[in-house]
């Protein structure tokens, strides 16, 4: 990394403002290690994608978002598939689920900075849904409705607190109504009412939910966790198992792997890509094997095949 032209793209409102407090640390790291690097701050939703595209055109090779999963996702939209581009991350958001794939801490420590600067690189798969990329995963159903409620509560471009997000989780457990869904994958068609349908490259969502506990980020496959319609008590019972990943043993859970799938609803429904909210009625989802070069921690508990 030290021999590359780098840009740190910092989202100052990520982590309820925590990322904004990291400006001084980033500047100190650039100066201390004499990096050929720039630090820029985002100003609005989608700005990280614009900035990454601009610096890519200017010949920069290493892109380090400083923020949460949404900031990383925005940067990825500009650089996925670009052979000379390298993606890193400094975790400073609220959930920080993506960073777990890479073996770094939920919030960066000095040790994490040292390992980041080593620049250990591996190629990672990238998911694609309706033309947009996702790195950690996408969600339909319960978790997407939680994201939609949080968005309505906080507004575009703003960050909600972890406590507020948990309030929406609890409310949605009791109020969510499953919708009819048709899924086509692996040569089969299924019609069901679905409580959760998570399609993932990573394992963890919302900080504590290991919805796809078997996922490996460079195996060329998406892990899918589809949970059928549930009573309120069954919802609570299954969700209590998710932090340990034991929910996949329940007969109401259909867990499988695929490289592509098609999903259809009879009207627009919310979905999230790495926590970023969208709406659609039809979904074409596939995996792009090893489509991004990424800096990871080879000494940590990462979720890659090292080959």
C-alpha atoms as a PDB file:
ATOM      1  CA  UNK A   1       0.000   0.000   0.000  1.00  0.00           C
ATOM      2  CA  UNK A   2       2.862   2.378   0.776  1.00  0.00           C
ATOM      3  CA  UNK A   3       3.984   2.402  -2.858  1.00  0.00           C
ATOM      4  CA  UNK A   4       0.482   3.147  -4.215  1.00  0.00           C
ATOM      5  CA  UNK A   5      -1.395   6.379  -4.771  1.00  0.00           C
ATOM      6  CA  UNK A   6      -4.137   6.191  -2.156  1.00  0.00           C
ATOM      7  CA  UNK A   7      -7.279   8.074  -1.304  1.00  0.00           C
ATOM      8  CA  UNK A   8      -9.060   7.874   2.043  1.00  0.00           C
ATOM      9  CA  UNK A   9     -12.775   8.580   1.487  1.00  0.00           C
ATOM     10  CA  UNK A  10     -14.230   9.463   4.893  1.00  0.00           C
ATOM     11  CA  UNK A  11     -17.933   9.702   5.679  1.00  0.00           C
ATOM     12  CA  UNK A  12     -18.045  12.132   8.643  1.00  0.00           C
ATOM     13  CA  UNK A  13     -21.554  11.139   9.781  1.00  0.00           C
ATOM     14  CA  UNK A  14     -20.898   7.371   9.830  1.00  0.00           C
ATOM     15  CA  UNK A  15     -21.131   5.786  13.255  1.00  0.00           C
ATOM     16  CA  UNK A  16     -23.299   8.679  14.487  1.00  0.00           C
ATOM     17  CA  UNK A  17     -20.351  10.990  13.913  1.00  0.00           C
ATOM     18  CA  UNK A  18     -17.593   8.656  15.125  1.00  0.00           C
ATOM     19  CA  UNK A  19     -15.970   8.560  11.675  1.00  0.00           C
ATOM     20  CA  UNK A  20     -15.748  12.361  11.651  1.00  0.00           C
ATOM     21  CA  UNK A  21     -13.569  12.160  14.749  1.00  0.00           C
ATOM     22  CA  UNK A  22     -11.103   9.980  12.797  1.00  0.00           C
ATOM     23  CA  UNK A  23     -10.007  12.801  10.481  1.00  0.00           C
ATOM     24  CA  UNK A  24      -7.012  13.649  12.664  1.00  0.00           C
ATOM     25  CA  UNK A  25      -5.942   9.990  12.907  1.00  0.00           C
ATOM     26  CA  UNK A  26      -6.041   9.544   9.120  1.00  0.00           C
ATOM     27  CA  UNK A  27      -3.970  12.691   8.604  1.00  0.00           C
ATOM     28  CA  UNK A  28      -1.450  11.516  11.212  1.00  0.00           C
ATOM     29  CA  UNK A  29      -1.103   8.114   9.506  1.00  0.00           C
ATOM     30  CA  UNK A  30      -0.551   9.736   6.102  1.00  0.00           C
ATOM     31  CA  UNK A  31       2.115  12.033   7.519  1.00  0.00           C
ATOM     32  CA  UNK A  32       3.833   9.455   9.762  1.00  0.00           C
ATOM     33  CA  UNK A  33       4.206   6.893   6.984  1.00  0.00           C
ATOM     34  CA  UNK A  34       4.846   9.415   4.222  1.00  0.00           C
ATOM     35  CA  UNK A  35       2.018   8.009   2.124  1.00  0.00           C
ATOM     36  CA  UNK A  36       1.223   9.305  -1.343  1.00  0.00           C
ATOM     37  CA  UNK A  37      -2.352   9.822  -0.240  1.00  0.00           C
ATOM     38  CA  UNK A  38      -5.260  12.220  -0.121  1.00  0.00           C
ATOM     39  CA  UNK A  39      -8.070  12.503   2.420  1.00  0.00           C
ATOM     40  CA  UNK A  40     -11.503  13.603   1.194  1.00  0.00           C
ATOM     41  CA  UNK A  41     -14.830  13.840   3.037  1.00  0.00           C
ATOM     42  CA  UNK A  42     -18.215  12.882   1.659  1.00  0.00           C
ATOM     43  CA  UNK A  43     -21.021  15.433   1.702  1.00  0.00           C
ATOM     44  CA  UNK A  44     -24.123  13.495   0.633  1.00  0.00           C
ATOM     45  CA  UNK A  45     -25.509  10.087  -0.238  1.00  0.00           C
ATOM     46  CA  UNK A  46     -23.701   8.669  -3.282  1.00  0.00           C
ATOM     47  CA  UNK A  47     -20.791  11.081  -2.953  1.00  0.00           C
ATOM     48  CA  UNK A  48     -18.300   8.320  -2.121  1.00  0.00           C
ATOM     49  CA  UNK A  49     -19.027   6.705  -5.501  1.00  0.00           C
ATOM     50  CA  UNK A  50     -18.439  10.020  -7.279  1.00  0.00           C
ATOM     51  CA  UNK A  51     -15.182  10.626  -5.414  1.00  0.00           C
ATOM     52  CA  UNK A  52     -13.870   7.104  -6.016  1.00  0.00           C
ATOM     53  CA  UNK A  53     -14.622   7.423  -9.739  1.00  0.00           C
ATOM     54  CA  UNK A  54     -12.832  10.754  -9.936  1.00  0.00           C
ATOM     55  CA  UNK A  55      -9.694   9.490  -8.190  1.00  0.00           C
ATOM     56  CA  UNK A  56      -9.748   6.310 -10.288  1.00  0.00           C
ATOM     57  CA  UNK A  57      -9.679   8.450 -13.435  1.00  0.00           C
ATOM     58  CA  UNK A  58      -6.819  10.454 -11.916  1.00  0.00           C
ATOM     59  CA  UNK A  59      -4.663   7.337 -11.634  1.00  0.00           C
ATOM     60  CA  UNK A  60      -5.141   6.446  -7.978  1.00  0.00           C
ATOM     61  CA  UNK A  61      -4.801   2.745  -7.218  1.00  0.00           C
ATOM     62  CA  UNK A  62      -5.828   2.251  -3.579  1.00  0.00           C
ATOM     63  CA  UNK A  63      -9.228   3.287  -2.195  1.00  0.00           C
ATOM     64  CA  UNK A  64      -9.794   3.286   1.574  1.00  0.00           C
ATOM     65  CA  UNK A  65     -13.309   4.186   2.741  1.00  0.00           C
ATOM     66  CA  UNK A  66     -13.451   5.344   6.366  1.00  0.00           C
ATOM     67  CA  UNK A  67     -16.932   4.703   7.731  1.00  0.00           C
ATOM     68  CA  UNK A  68     -19.423   1.859   7.792  1.00  0.00           C
ATOM     69  CA  UNK A  69     -20.744  -0.737   5.368  1.00  0.00           C
ATOM     70  CA  UNK A  70     -22.668   1.845   3.325  1.00  0.00           C
ATOM     71  CA  UNK A  71     -19.551   3.915   2.678  1.00  0.00           C
ATOM     72  CA  UNK A  72     -17.638   0.822   1.552  1.00  0.00           C
ATOM     73  CA  UNK A  73     -20.526  -0.139  -0.718  1.00  0.00           C
ATOM     74  CA  UNK A  74     -20.547   3.282  -2.377  1.00  0.00           C
ATOM     75  CA  UNK A  75     -16.796   3.158  -3.065  1.00  0.00           C
ATOM     76  CA  UNK A  76     -17.117  -0.375  -4.447  1.00  0.00           C
ATOM     77  CA  UNK A  77     -19.653   0.762  -7.075  1.00  0.00           C
ATOM     78  CA  UNK A  78     -16.851   2.711  -8.786  1.00  0.00           C
ATOM     79  CA  UNK A  79     -13.987   0.217  -8.622  1.00  0.00           C
ATOM     80  CA  UNK A  80     -15.377  -3.342  -8.870  1.00  0.00           C
ATOM     81  CA  UNK A  81     -13.951  -5.031 -11.953  1.00  0.00           C
ATOM     82  CA  UNK A  82     -11.140  -2.496 -12.356  1.00  0.00           C
ATOM     83  CA  UNK A  83      -8.006  -4.636 -12.416  1.00  0.00           C
ATOM     84  CA  UNK A  84      -5.652  -1.957 -11.070  1.00  0.00           C
ATOM     85  CA  UNK A  85      -7.901  -0.827  -8.202  1.00  0.00           C
ATOM     86  CA  UNK A  86      -7.405  -2.024  -4.628  1.00  0.00           C
ATOM     87  CA  UNK A  87     -10.077  -1.676  -1.931  1.00  0.00           C
ATOM     88  CA  UNK A  88      -9.357  -1.359   1.776  1.00  0.00           C
ATOM     89  CA  UNK A  89     -11.418  -0.258   4.740  1.00  0.00           C
ATOM     90  CA  UNK A  90     -11.094   1.608   8.023  1.00  0.00           C
ATOM     91  CA  UNK A  91     -14.111   0.566  10.107  1.00  0.00           C
ATOM     92  CA  UNK A  92     -15.770   3.543  11.775  1.00  0.00           C
ATOM     93  CA  UNK A  93     -19.499   2.975  11.269  1.00  0.00           C
ATOM     94  CA  UNK A  94     -22.367   1.670  13.366  1.00  0.00           C
ATOM     95  CA  UNK A  95     -22.666  -1.960  12.245  1.00  0.00           C
ATOM     96  CA  UNK A  96     -19.309  -2.626  10.581  1.00  0.00           C
ATOM     97  CA  UNK A  97     -20.372  -6.071   9.369  1.00  0.00           C
ATOM     98  CA  UNK A  98     -18.218  -6.112   6.253  1.00  0.00           C
ATOM     99  CA  UNK A  99     -14.953  -5.644   8.164  1.00  0.00           C
ATOM    100  CA  UNK A 100     -15.395  -9.053   9.789  1.00  0.00           C
ATOM    101  CA  UNK A 101     -14.844 -10.732   6.431  1.00  0.00           C
ATOM    102  CA  UNK A 102     -11.410  -9.135   6.272  1.00  0.00           C
ATOM    103  CA  UNK A 103     -10.239 -10.113   9.764  1.00  0.00           C
ATOM    104  CA  UNK A 104      -9.957  -6.578  11.184  1.00  0.00           C
ATOM    105  CA  UNK A 105     -11.535  -5.204  14.372  1.00  0.00           C
ATOM    106  CA  UNK A 106     -15.058  -3.784  14.389  1.00  0.00           C
ATOM    107  CA  UNK A 107     -13.501  -0.398  15.161  1.00  0.00           C
ATOM    108  CA  UNK A 108      -9.914   0.159  14.033  1.00  0.00           C
ATOM    109  CA  UNK A 109      -7.055  -0.132  16.533  1.00  0.00           C
ATOM    110  CA  UNK A 110      -3.401   0.869  16.056  1.00  0.00           C
ATOM    111  CA  UNK A 111      -2.636  -2.785  15.286  1.00  0.00           C
ATOM    112  CA  UNK A 112      -5.290  -2.771  12.561  1.00  0.00           C
ATOM    113  CA  UNK A 113      -3.675   0.324  11.030  1.00  0.00           C
ATOM    114  CA  UNK A 114      -0.287  -1.419  10.950  1.00  0.00           C
ATOM    115  CA  UNK A 115      -1.757  -4.460   9.191  1.00  0.00           C
ATOM    116  CA  UNK A 116      -3.693  -2.288   6.742  1.00  0.00           C
ATOM    117  CA  UNK A 117      -0.460  -0.556   5.745  1.00  0.00           C
ATOM    118  CA  UNK A 118       1.169  -3.946   5.067  1.00  0.00           C
ATOM    119  CA  UNK A 119      -1.200  -4.108   2.101  1.00  0.00           C
ATOM    120  CA  UNK A 120      -1.901  -7.862   2.107  1.00  0.00           C
ATOM    121  CA  UNK A 121      -4.180  -8.388  -0.889  1.00  0.00           C
ATOM    122  CA  UNK A 122      -6.621 -11.125  -1.819  1.00  0.00           C
ATOM    123  CA  UNK A 123      -9.323 -11.289  -4.479  1.00  0.00           C
ATOM    124  CA  UNK A 124     -12.902 -11.322  -3.218  1.00  0.00           C
ATOM    125  CA  UNK A 125     -16.218 -12.208  -4.847  1.00  0.00           C
ATOM    126  CA  UNK A 126     -18.801  -9.488  -5.361  1.00  0.00           C
ATOM    127  CA  UNK A 127     -22.562  -9.901  -5.467  1.00  0.00           C
ATOM    128  CA  UNK A 128     -24.654  -8.062  -8.036  1.00  0.00           C
ATOM    129  CA  UNK A 129     -28.371  -7.266  -7.781  1.00  0.00           C
ATOM    130  CA  UNK A 130     -30.227  -5.415 -10.531  1.00  0.00           C
ATOM    131  CA  UNK A 131     -26.990  -3.748 -11.654  1.00  0.00           C
ATOM    132  CA  UNK A 132     -25.781  -2.705  -8.179  1.00  0.00           C
ATOM    133  CA  UNK A 133     -22.922  -4.379  -6.344  1.00  0.00           C
ATOM    134  CA  UNK A 134     -22.878  -5.690  -2.785  1.00  0.00           C
ATOM    135  CA  UNK A 135     -19.885  -6.944  -0.828  1.00  0.00           C
ATOM    136  CA  UNK A 136     -21.334  -8.334   2.395  1.00  0.00           C
ATOM    137  CA  UNK A 137     -24.896  -9.190   1.421  1.00  0.00           C
ATOM    138  CA  UNK A 138     -28.422  -8.245   0.475  1.00  0.00           C
ATOM    139  CA  UNK A 139     -31.639  -8.745   2.379  1.00  0.00           C
ATOM    140  CA  UNK A 140     -35.323  -9.067   1.576  1.00  0.00           C
ATOM    141  CA  UNK A 141     -38.187  -9.369   4.015  1.00  0.00           C
ATOM    142  CA  UNK A 142     -37.822  -8.686   7.731  1.00  0.00           C
ATOM    143  CA  UNK A 143     -34.344  -7.121   7.698  1.00  0.00           C
ATOM    144  CA  UNK A 144     -35.127  -4.987   4.648  1.00  0.00           C
ATOM    145  CA  UNK A 145     -38.255  -3.705   6.384  1.00  0.00           C
ATOM    146  CA  UNK A 146     -36.121  -2.785   9.407  1.00  0.00           C
ATOM    147  CA  UNK A 147     -33.832  -0.825   7.070  1.00  0.00           C
ATOM    148  CA  UNK A 148     -36.853   0.905   5.514  1.00  0.00           C
ATOM    149  CA  UNK A 149     -38.256   1.888   8.923  1.00  0.00           C
ATOM    150  CA  UNK A 150     -34.865   3.202  10.003  1.00  0.00           C
ATOM    151  CA  UNK A 151     -34.585   5.219   6.784  1.00  0.00           C
ATOM    152  CA  UNK A 152     -38.015   6.807   7.340  1.00  0.00           C
ATOM    153  CA  UNK A 153     -37.036   7.662  10.892  1.00  0.00           C
ATOM    154  CA  UNK A 154     -33.605   9.164  10.167  1.00  0.00           C
ATOM    155  CA  UNK A 155     -33.971  10.551   6.634  1.00  0.00           C
ATOM    156  CA  UNK A 156     -31.778  10.299   3.554  1.00  0.00           C
ATOM    157  CA  UNK A 157     -28.068  10.526   4.164  1.00  0.00           C
ATOM    158  CA  UNK A 158     -28.368  10.477   7.959  1.00  0.00           C
ATOM    159  CA  UNK A 159     -27.132   7.894  10.416  1.00  0.00           C
ATOM    160  CA  UNK A 160     -29.377   6.361  13.058  1.00  0.00           C
ATOM    161  CA  UNK A 161     -28.073   5.150  16.398  1.00  0.00           C
ATOM    162  CA  UNK A 162     -27.665   1.466  17.233  1.00  0.00           C
ATOM    163  CA  UNK A 163     -30.369   1.820  19.903  1.00  0.00           C
ATOM    164  CA  UNK A 164     -32.819   3.264  17.390  1.00  0.00           C
ATOM    165  CA  UNK A 165     -32.032   0.431  14.961  1.00  0.00           C
ATOM    166  CA  UNK A 166     -32.769  -2.149  17.661  1.00  0.00           C
ATOM    167  CA  UNK A 167     -36.090  -0.447  18.356  1.00  0.00           C
ATOM    168  CA  UNK A 168     -37.033  -0.959  14.718  1.00  0.00           C
ATOM    169  CA  UNK A 169     -35.958  -4.612  14.902  1.00  0.00           C
ATOM    170  CA  UNK A 170     -38.220  -5.266  17.892  1.00  0.00           C
ATOM    171  CA  UNK A 171     -41.175  -3.406  16.367  1.00  0.00           C
ATOM    172  CA  UNK A 172     -40.816  -5.237  13.039  1.00  0.00           C
ATOM    173  CA  UNK A 173     -40.725  -8.648  14.736  1.00  0.00           C
ATOM    174  CA  UNK A 174     -44.308  -8.024  15.870  1.00  0.00           C
ATOM    175  CA  UNK A 175     -45.715  -6.075  12.899  1.00  0.00           C
ATOM    176  CA  UNK A 176     -44.082  -7.501   9.755  1.00  0.00           C
ATOM    177  CA  UNK A 177     -46.391  -9.231   7.265  1.00  0.00           C
ATOM    178  CA  UNK A 178     -44.812 -11.821   4.949  1.00  0.00           C
ATOM    179  CA  UNK A 179     -45.319 -11.320   1.205  1.00  0.00           C
ATOM    180  CA  UNK A 180     -45.727 -13.795  -1.641  1.00  0.00           C
ATOM    181  CA  UNK A 181     -42.388 -14.479  -3.310  1.00  0.00           C
ATOM    182  CA  UNK A 182     -41.292 -16.599  -6.283  1.00  0.00           C
ATOM    183  CA  UNK A 183     -37.667 -17.756  -6.382  1.00  0.00           C
ATOM    184  CA  UNK A 184     -35.920 -19.456  -9.307  1.00  0.00           C
ATOM    185  CA  UNK A 185     -32.487 -20.938  -8.710  1.00  0.00           C
ATOM    186  CA  UNK A 186     -30.465 -24.083  -9.394  1.00  0.00           C
ATOM    187  CA  UNK A 187     -33.075 -25.176 -11.939  1.00  0.00           C
ATOM    188  CA  UNK A 188     -35.956 -25.069  -9.444  1.00  0.00           C
ATOM    189  CA  UNK A 189     -38.874 -22.686  -8.813  1.00  0.00           C
ATOM    190  CA  UNK A 190     -40.319 -22.077  -5.356  1.00  0.00           C
ATOM    191  CA  UNK A 191     -43.304 -19.980  -4.302  1.00  0.00           C
ATOM    192  CA  UNK A 192     -43.533 -19.061  -0.653  1.00  0.00           C
ATOM    193  CA  UNK A 193     -44.314 -16.396   1.900  1.00  0.00           C
ATOM    194  CA  UNK A 194     -40.960 -15.394   3.231  1.00  0.00           C
ATOM    195  CA  UNK A 195     -39.991 -13.882   6.585  1.00  0.00           C
ATOM    196  CA  UNK A 196     -36.311 -13.436   5.656  1.00  0.00           C
ATOM    197  CA  UNK A 197     -34.401 -13.988   2.430  1.00  0.00           C
ATOM    198  CA  UNK A 198     -30.725 -13.113   2.842  1.00  0.00           C
ATOM    199  CA  UNK A 199     -28.269 -13.515  -0.042  1.00  0.00           C
ATOM    200  CA  UNK A 200     -24.719 -13.102   1.142  1.00  0.00           C
ATOM    201  CA  UNK A 201     -21.004 -13.111   0.570  1.00  0.00           C
ATOM    202  CA  UNK A 202     -20.304 -12.469   4.255  1.00  0.00           C
ATOM    203  CA  UNK A 203     -21.661 -13.973   7.439  1.00  0.00           C
ATOM    204  CA  UNK A 204     -22.775 -11.173   9.754  1.00  0.00           C
ATOM    205  CA  UNK A 205     -25.530  -8.544   9.591  1.00  0.00           C
ATOM    206  CA  UNK A 206     -26.631  -5.778  11.990  1.00  0.00           C
ATOM    207  CA  UNK A 207     -23.675  -6.451  14.261  1.00  0.00           C
ATOM    208  CA  UNK A 208     -24.955  -9.643  15.897  1.00  0.00           C
ATOM    209  CA  UNK A 209     -26.879 -11.656  13.290  1.00  0.00           C
ATOM    210  CA  UNK A 210     -24.964 -14.506  11.635  1.00  0.00           C
ATOM    211  CA  UNK A 211     -27.638 -15.227   9.056  1.00  0.00           C
ATOM    212  CA  UNK A 212     -25.269 -16.986   6.632  1.00  0.00           C
ATOM    213  CA  UNK A 213     -22.737 -18.638   8.954  1.00  0.00           C
ATOM    214  CA  UNK A 214     -21.132 -20.846   6.294  1.00  0.00           C
ATOM    215  CA  UNK A 215     -20.323 -18.110   3.768  1.00  0.00           C
ATOM    216  CA  UNK A 216     -16.811 -17.866   2.328  1.00  0.00           C
ATOM    217  CA  UNK A 217     -16.065 -14.634   0.486  1.00  0.00           C
ATOM    218  CA  UNK A 218     -14.118 -16.086  -2.450  1.00  0.00           C
ATOM    219  CA  UNK A 219     -15.707 -19.462  -3.154  1.00  0.00           C
ATOM    220  CA  UNK A 220     -17.633 -18.278  -6.227  1.00  0.00           C
ATOM    221  CA  UNK A 221     -20.990 -18.862  -4.529  1.00  0.00           C
ATOM    222  CA  UNK A 222     -23.673 -16.874  -2.752  1.00  0.00           C
ATOM    223  CA  UNK A 223     -25.034 -18.263   0.504  1.00  0.00           C
ATOM    224  CA  UNK A 224     -28.818 -17.964   0.800  1.00  0.00           C
ATOM    225  CA  UNK A 225     -30.806 -18.127   4.035  1.00  0.00           C
ATOM    226  CA  UNK A 226     -34.535 -18.222   3.352  1.00  0.00           C
ATOM    227  CA  UNK A 227     -36.887 -18.435   6.334  1.00  0.00           C
ATOM    228  CA  UNK A 228     -40.541 -19.280   5.709  1.00  0.00           C
ATOM    229  CA  UNK A 229     -43.588 -17.531   7.163  1.00  0.00           C
ATOM    230  CA  UNK A 230     -43.488 -17.652  10.978  1.00  0.00           C
ATOM    231  CA  UNK A 231     -45.688 -16.962  13.970  1.00  0.00           C
ATOM    232  CA  UNK A 232     -44.479 -14.187  16.277  1.00  0.00           C
ATOM    233  CA  UNK A 233     -43.271 -16.692  18.874  1.00  0.00           C
ATOM    234  CA  UNK A 234     -41.415 -18.695  16.210  1.00  0.00           C
ATOM    235  CA  UNK A 235     -39.837 -15.494  14.904  1.00  0.00           C
ATOM    236  CA  UNK A 236     -38.464 -14.783  18.357  1.00  0.00           C
ATOM    237  CA  UNK A 237     -37.269 -18.367  18.793  1.00  0.00           C
ATOM    238  CA  UNK A 238     -35.381 -18.425  15.487  1.00  0.00           C
ATOM    239  CA  UNK A 239     -33.902 -14.935  15.824  1.00  0.00           C
ATOM    240  CA  UNK A 240     -32.490 -15.881  19.230  1.00  0.00           C
ATOM    241  CA  UNK A 241     -30.525 -18.641  17.477  1.00  0.00           C
ATOM    242  CA  UNK A 242     -29.102 -16.378  14.760  1.00  0.00           C
ATOM    243  CA  UNK A 243     -26.216 -14.877  16.823  1.00  0.00           C
ATOM    244  CA  UNK A 244     -24.696 -18.382  17.025  1.00  0.00           C
ATOM    245  CA  UNK A 245     -25.744 -19.421  13.521  1.00  0.00           C
ATOM    246  CA  UNK A 246     -27.718 -22.421  14.807  1.00  0.00           C
ATOM    247  CA  UNK A 247     -30.964 -21.245  13.177  1.00  0.00           C
ATOM    248  CA  UNK A 248     -29.985 -23.042   9.958  1.00  0.00           C
ATOM    249  CA  UNK A 249     -30.808 -26.367  11.671  1.00  0.00           C
ATOM    250  CA  UNK A 250     -34.485 -25.370  12.014  1.00  0.00           C
ATOM    251  CA  UNK A 251     -36.876 -26.981   9.442  1.00  0.00           C
ATOM    252  CA  UNK A 252     -38.378 -23.554   8.709  1.00  0.00           C
ATOM    253  CA  UNK A 253     -34.983 -22.410   7.360  1.00  0.00           C
ATOM    254  CA  UNK A 254     -33.882 -23.221   3.810  1.00  0.00           C
ATOM    255  CA  UNK A 255     -30.112 -22.684   3.548  1.00  0.00           C
ATOM    256  CA  UNK A 256     -28.327 -23.255   0.241  1.00  0.00           C
ATOM    257  CA  UNK A 257     -25.639 -21.965  -2.125  1.00  0.00           C
ATOM    258  CA  UNK A 258     -25.973 -20.760  -5.699  1.00  0.00           C
ATOM    259  CA  UNK A 259     -24.219 -18.570  -8.253  1.00  0.00           C
ATOM    260  CA  UNK A 260     -27.404 -16.838  -9.413  1.00  0.00           C
ATOM    261  CA  UNK A 261     -31.073 -16.518  -8.583  1.00  0.00           C
ATOM    262  CA  UNK A 262     -34.182 -14.706  -9.749  1.00  0.00           C
ATOM    263  CA  UNK A 263     -36.755 -13.379  -7.264  1.00  0.00           C
ATOM    264  CA  UNK A 264     -40.172 -11.914  -8.021  1.00  0.00           C
ATOM    265  CA  UNK A 265     -42.890 -10.164  -5.976  1.00  0.00           C
ATOM    266  CA  UNK A 266     -46.232  -8.829  -7.233  1.00  0.00           C
ATOM    267  CA  UNK A 267     -45.325  -5.267  -6.160  1.00  0.00           C
ATOM    268  CA  UNK A 268     -42.289  -3.220  -5.146  1.00  0.00           C
ATOM    269  CA  UNK A 269     -40.766  -4.232  -1.816  1.00  0.00           C
ATOM    270  CA  UNK A 270     -37.744  -2.906   0.095  1.00  0.00           C
ATOM    271  CA  UNK A 271     -34.360  -4.578  -0.098  1.00  0.00           C
ATOM    272  CA  UNK A 272     -30.962  -3.571   1.192  1.00  0.00           C
ATOM    273  CA  UNK A 273     -27.507  -3.976  -0.294  1.00  0.00           C
ATOM    274  CA  UNK A 274     -24.890  -3.754   2.468  1.00  0.00           C
ATOM    275  CA  UNK A 275     -27.479  -1.792   4.445  1.00  0.00           C
ATOM    276  CA  UNK A 276     -28.280   0.666   1.639  1.00  0.00           C
ATOM    277  CA  UNK A 277     -32.024   0.791   0.903  1.00  0.00           C
ATOM    278  CA  UNK A 278     -33.656   0.154  -2.504  1.00  0.00           C
ATOM    279  CA  UNK A 279     -37.085  -0.913  -3.809  1.00  0.00           C
ATOM    280  CA  UNK A 280     -38.015  -3.312  -6.630  1.00  0.00           C
ATOM    281  CA  UNK A 281     -40.454  -6.088  -7.543  1.00  0.00           C
ATOM    282  CA  UNK A 282     -38.074  -8.310  -9.540  1.00  0.00           C
ATOM    283  CA  UNK A 283     -34.496  -9.223  -8.699  1.00  0.00           C
ATOM    284  CA  UNK A 284     -31.704 -10.685 -10.791  1.00  0.00           C
ATOM    285  CA  UNK A 285     -28.892 -11.655  -8.449  1.00  0.00           C
ATOM    286  CA  UNK A 286     -25.556 -13.235  -9.313  1.00  0.00           C
ATOM    287  CA  UNK A 287     -21.984 -13.572  -8.107  1.00  0.00           C
ATOM    288  CA  UNK A 288     -18.899 -12.080  -9.781  1.00  0.00           C
ATOM    289  CA  UNK A 289     -16.033 -14.372  -8.750  1.00  0.00           C
ATOM    290  CA  UNK A 290     -12.930 -12.599  -7.394  1.00  0.00           C
ATOM    291  CA  UNK A 291     -14.033  -9.289  -8.893  1.00  0.00           C
ATOM    292  CA  UNK A 292     -12.254  -6.959  -6.455  1.00  0.00           C
ATOM    293  CA  UNK A 293      -8.753  -6.853  -4.963  1.00  0.00           C
ATOM    294  CA  UNK A 294      -8.994  -6.165  -1.272  1.00  0.00           C
ATOM    295  CA  UNK A 295      -6.681  -5.559   1.684  1.00  0.00           C
ATOM    296  CA  UNK A 296      -7.230  -8.097   4.472  1.00  0.00           C
ATOM    297  CA  UNK A 297      -5.660  -9.260   7.716  1.00  0.00           C
ATOM    298  CA  UNK A 298      -3.898 -12.603   7.140  1.00  0.00           C
ATOM    299  CA  UNK A 299      -3.291 -12.903  10.897  1.00  0.00           C
ATOM    300  CA  UNK A 300      -6.947 -12.505  11.895  1.00  0.00           C
ATOM    301  CA  UNK A 301     -10.105 -14.603  11.811  1.00  0.00           C
ATOM    302  CA  UNK A 302     -11.072 -13.767   8.235  1.00  0.00           C
ATOM    303  CA  UNK A 303     -13.462 -15.585   5.910  1.00  0.00           C
ATOM    304  CA  UNK A 304     -11.452 -16.311   2.773  1.00  0.00           C
ATOM    305  CA  UNK A 305      -9.881 -19.351   1.220  1.00  0.00           C
ATOM    306  CA  UNK A 306      -6.166 -18.497   1.256  1.00  0.00           C
ATOM    307  CA  UNK A 307      -5.206 -19.623  -2.221  1.00  0.00           C
END
